[in-house]
Protein backbone atom coordinates (compact mmCIF):
# COMPACT_ATOMS: atom_id res chain seq x y z
CA MET A 1 9.16 6.93 -11.94
CA ARG A 2 8.85 10.54 -10.83
CA TRP A 3 7.93 12.31 -7.61
CA ASP A 4 4.40 13.72 -7.79
CA ASN A 5 3.85 16.76 -5.56
CA ALA A 6 0.05 16.52 -5.85
CA LEU A 7 0.07 12.86 -4.84
CA ALA A 8 2.45 13.57 -1.95
CA ALA A 9 0.15 16.35 -0.73
CA GLU A 10 -2.89 14.06 -0.98
CA ALA A 11 -1.10 11.34 1.01
CA TYR A 12 0.01 13.86 3.63
CA GLU A 13 -3.51 15.21 4.08
CA HIS A 14 -4.89 11.68 4.43
CA ALA A 15 -2.21 10.81 7.00
CA LYS A 16 -3.08 13.94 9.00
CA LYS A 17 -6.78 12.96 8.89
CA LEU A 18 -6.01 9.46 10.19
CA ALA A 19 -3.93 10.92 13.02
CA ARG A 20 -6.56 13.53 13.89
CA THR A 21 -9.46 11.04 13.89
CA ASN A 22 -7.47 8.11 15.32
CA THR A 23 -8.65 5.89 12.46
CA PHE A 24 -6.89 3.48 10.12
CA GLN A 25 -8.38 3.10 6.66
CA HIS A 26 -7.53 3.49 3.01
CA ALA A 27 -8.15 6.84 1.38
CA PRO A 28 -11.50 7.03 -0.44
CA GLN A 29 -10.06 6.80 -3.97
CA ASP A 30 -9.14 4.17 -6.55
CA ARG A 31 -6.67 6.04 -8.75
CA HIS A 32 -3.50 4.63 -7.19
CA GLY A 33 -2.29 1.93 -4.82
CA GLU A 34 -1.92 2.37 -1.09
CA ASN A 35 -0.34 -0.09 1.33
CA LEU A 36 -1.32 0.06 4.99
CA ALA A 37 -0.19 -2.33 7.72
CA MET A 38 -1.44 -2.94 11.23
CA MET A 39 -0.67 -5.77 13.61
CA THR A 40 -1.48 -6.61 17.19
CA ILE A 41 2.27 -6.63 17.85
CA SER A 42 4.82 -3.91 17.20
CA LEU A 43 5.64 -3.84 13.48
CA SER A 44 8.52 -1.94 11.92
CA LEU A 45 8.34 -0.47 8.43
CA ALA A 46 10.85 -3.11 7.31
CA ASP A 47 8.69 -5.92 8.73
CA ALA A 48 5.56 -4.52 7.08
CA THR A 49 7.37 -4.27 3.75
CA ARG A 50 8.64 -7.85 4.10
CA SER A 51 5.06 -9.03 4.72
CA TRP A 52 3.92 -7.34 1.49
CA ILE A 53 6.85 -8.82 -0.45
CA ALA A 54 5.92 -12.27 0.90
CA GLU A 55 2.88 -12.19 -1.43
CA LYS A 56 5.31 -12.73 -4.34
CA PHE A 57 4.74 -16.49 -4.45
CA LEU A 58 1.08 -15.85 -5.38
CA TYR A 59 1.89 -13.48 -8.24
CA GLU A 60 2.05 -15.09 -11.68
CA GLY A 61 2.82 -12.09 -13.87
CA GLU A 62 -0.71 -10.79 -14.39
CA ARG A 63 -1.18 -7.17 -15.36
CA ILE A 64 -1.70 -5.09 -12.25
CA GLY A 65 -5.44 -4.93 -11.72
CA ASP A 66 -6.06 -8.28 -13.45
CA GLU A 67 -5.07 -10.53 -10.54
CA GLY A 68 -8.66 -11.28 -9.49
CA ASN A 69 -9.10 -12.25 -5.86
CA LYS A 70 -5.46 -13.15 -5.23
CA GLN A 71 -3.76 -11.25 -2.40
CA VAL A 72 -0.94 -9.79 -4.49
CA GLY A 73 -1.82 -6.10 -4.54
CA HIS A 74 0.63 -5.19 -1.79
CA TYR A 75 3.44 -7.07 -3.55
CA THR A 76 2.76 -5.50 -6.93
CA GLN A 77 2.59 -2.04 -5.31
CA VAL A 78 5.96 -2.52 -3.58
CA ASN A 79 7.50 -4.01 -6.71
CA HIS A 80 6.05 -1.27 -8.92
CA ASN A 81 7.66 1.41 -6.78
CA PHE A 82 11.21 0.04 -7.00
């Protein structure tokens, strides 16, 4: 895995847009994964990450993108990045 300056810049611009418009939505692209978390209670980054990792029990080793309707995308994104 390598740092990608173009991807980092794209993510930064999207984050600035969300802050400026007070919105919360995925970037309009499908080239790479993106995990967002929002709760009605205060949620730390660690808690959000734990909630994504909790999807592990649903994952059965499918290729990323071939998991159908199962809610494992957050888990595979976290796992893919470590």
